[in-house]
Amino acid sequence: MLGNTAAFSSFSVDDLDAARRFYDETLGLRTALEGTGDMRMLFLTLADGARVFVYPKGDQHSPASFTVLHFEVDEIGSVVDGLKARGVEFRRYPGFEFDDKDICRDPRGPAIAWFTDPANNVLAVLQRQGAGSGS
């Protein structure tokens, strides 16, 4: 029934302007602010053309308790280095082993590194299956 219908995901932030700066200037995504006043919203355009809707909740915002965006990359090590050079701090979670670059290299899945946006929503970069070593 909805198989041929366009869809998009969404998540909230506490500060739309800070989110736009982070997603645009730090991560390098195409962003578009739309609307005015209390009805402003942010759209992120991903590499494949998919759009993500980011909406403001101000003080009522609660960060998502799950990873809201995963970015598949060919060389996770160089991407992590590049993000760190832009001020991104990576997270470590209990129960996982991390290398000196904060990359989790669990043999049960792809290499992955988690970080947060200014609203504390969790994002991740992960090594694309079949891509380079990810060092």
Protein backbone atom coordinates (compact mmCIF):
# COMPACT_ATOMS: atom_id res chain seq x y z
CA MET A 1 0.00 0.00 0.00
CA LEU A 2 2.80 2.48 0.83
CA GLY A 3 5.58 0.81 -1.14
CA ASN A 4 5.57 3.50 -3.81
CA THR A 5 5.05 6.44 -1.46
CA ALA A 6 7.85 8.85 -0.57
CA ALA A 7 8.71 8.87 3.13
CA PHE A 8 11.22 10.51 5.44
CA SER A 9 12.40 10.14 9.01
CA SER A 10 12.53 12.86 11.63
CA PHE A 11 13.90 13.73 15.04
CA SER A 12 13.83 16.72 17.35
CA VAL A 13 16.45 19.15 18.60
CA ASP A 14 16.46 21.82 21.27
CA ASP A 15 18.13 24.52 19.11
CA LEU A 16 17.39 24.55 15.39
CA ASP A 17 20.11 27.10 14.54
CA ALA A 18 22.80 25.08 16.37
CA ALA A 19 21.57 21.94 14.59
CA ARG A 20 21.77 23.64 11.19
CA ARG A 21 25.34 24.84 11.84
CA PHE A 22 26.41 21.35 12.97
CA TYR A 23 24.82 19.42 10.12
CA ASP A 24 25.87 21.97 7.49
CA GLU A 25 29.26 23.24 8.63
CA THR A 26 30.60 20.31 10.68
CA LEU A 27 29.16 17.32 8.81
CA GLY A 28 28.90 18.94 5.38
CA LEU A 29 25.28 17.98 4.68
CA ARG A 30 22.99 20.09 2.56
CA THR A 31 20.52 21.81 4.87
CA ALA A 32 17.45 23.96 4.32
CA LEU A 33 15.60 26.00 6.92
CA GLU A 34 11.93 26.38 6.07
CA GLY A 35 9.02 28.16 7.71
CA THR A 36 9.01 31.11 10.08
CA GLY A 37 8.75 31.77 13.80
CA ASP A 38 7.59 28.78 15.83
CA MET A 39 6.97 26.85 12.62
CA ARG A 40 10.60 26.79 11.46
CA MET A 41 11.95 23.40 10.47
CA LEU A 42 15.21 22.03 9.13
CA PHE A 43 15.61 19.53 6.32
CA LEU A 44 18.82 17.57 5.83
CA THR A 45 19.49 16.18 2.36
CA LEU A 46 21.58 13.02 2.40
CA ALA A 47 23.92 11.85 -0.38
CA ASP A 48 21.27 9.62 -2.00
CA GLY A 49 18.75 12.48 -2.08
CA ALA A 50 16.75 11.27 0.93
CA ARG A 51 15.61 14.02 3.26
CA VAL A 52 15.43 14.02 7.04
CA PHE A 53 13.09 16.38 8.89
CA VAL A 54 14.56 18.02 12.02
CA TYR A 55 12.11 19.93 14.17
CA PRO A 56 12.56 22.16 17.23
CA LYS A 57 11.17 21.20 20.63
CA GLY A 58 13.12 23.70 22.74
CA ASP A 59 13.22 22.81 26.44
CA GLN A 60 10.85 19.89 25.85
CA HIS A 61 13.42 18.10 23.68
CA SER A 62 14.67 14.72 24.89
CA PRO A 63 17.55 13.19 22.93
CA ALA A 64 16.70 9.99 21.10
CA SER A 65 17.70 6.86 23.01
CA PHE A 66 18.87 5.23 19.76
CA THR A 67 21.08 6.14 16.81
CA VAL A 68 19.03 8.47 14.58
CA LEU A 69 21.40 8.54 11.57
CA HIS A 70 24.06 6.09 10.36
CA PHE A 71 26.53 7.28 7.73
CA GLU A 72 28.12 4.45 5.71
CA VAL A 73 31.69 5.32 4.78
CA ASP A 74 34.48 3.64 2.83
CA GLU A 75 37.31 4.49 5.24
CA ILE A 76 36.01 4.90 8.77
CA GLY A 77 39.41 5.78 10.25
CA SER A 78 39.96 8.78 8.00
CA VAL A 79 36.35 9.96 8.47
CA VAL A 80 36.69 9.76 12.27
CA ASP A 81 39.98 11.69 12.05
CA GLY A 82 38.32 14.35 9.88
CA LEU A 83 35.35 14.73 12.22
CA LYS A 84 37.63 14.98 15.25
CA ALA A 85 39.55 17.76 13.47
CA ARG A 86 36.20 19.60 13.23
CA GLY A 87 35.61 19.25 16.98
CA VAL A 88 33.38 16.16 17.03
CA GLU A 89 33.78 14.03 20.15
CA PHE A 90 33.09 10.32 19.93
CA ARG A 91 31.31 8.17 22.51
CA ARG A 92 32.25 4.84 23.98
CA TYR A 93 29.60 2.45 25.23
CA PRO A 94 30.06 -0.25 27.88
CA GLY A 95 30.25 -3.80 26.60
CA PHE A 96 32.13 -2.88 23.41
CA GLU A 97 35.83 -2.69 22.68
CA PHE A 98 37.20 0.42 21.02
CA ASP A 99 40.50 1.17 19.32
CA ASP A 100 42.58 4.30 19.95
CA LYS A 101 40.42 6.25 17.45
CA ASP A 102 37.17 5.47 19.37
CA ILE A 103 36.05 3.00 16.70
CA CYS A 104 34.24 -0.13 17.86
CA ARG A 105 35.58 -3.11 15.94
CA ASP A 106 33.32 -5.91 17.14
CA PRO A 107 33.67 -9.01 14.92
CA ARG A 108 29.87 -9.44 14.95
CA GLY A 109 29.30 -6.31 12.85
CA PRO A 110 30.86 -3.48 10.89
CA ALA A 111 33.34 -1.08 12.45
CA ILE A 112 31.32 1.79 13.93
CA ALA A 113 31.94 5.04 15.81
CA TRP A 114 29.22 6.97 17.64
CA PHE A 115 28.95 10.71 18.26
CA THR A 116 26.22 13.21 19.10
CA ASP A 117 24.77 16.35 17.57
CA PRO A 118 24.38 19.55 19.64
CA ALA A 119 21.00 18.28 20.92
CA ASN A 120 22.64 15.02 22.14
CA ASN A 121 20.98 12.83 19.50
CA VAL A 122 23.24 9.89 18.65
CA LEU A 123 24.74 9.58 15.15
CA ALA A 124 27.23 7.05 13.81
CA VAL A 125 29.68 6.44 11.03
CA LEU A 126 30.13 2.82 10.05
CA GLN A 127 32.38 1.00 7.65
CA ARG A 128 30.57 0.12 4.42
CA GLN A 129 30.53 -3.65 3.85
CA GLY A 130 33.26 -4.65 1.42
CA ALA A 131 35.02 -1.25 1.66
CA GLY A 132 38.68 -0.78 2.63
CA SER A 133 40.26 -1.72 5.92
CA GLY A 134 38.88 1.32 7.75
CA SER A 135 42.13 1.98 9.60
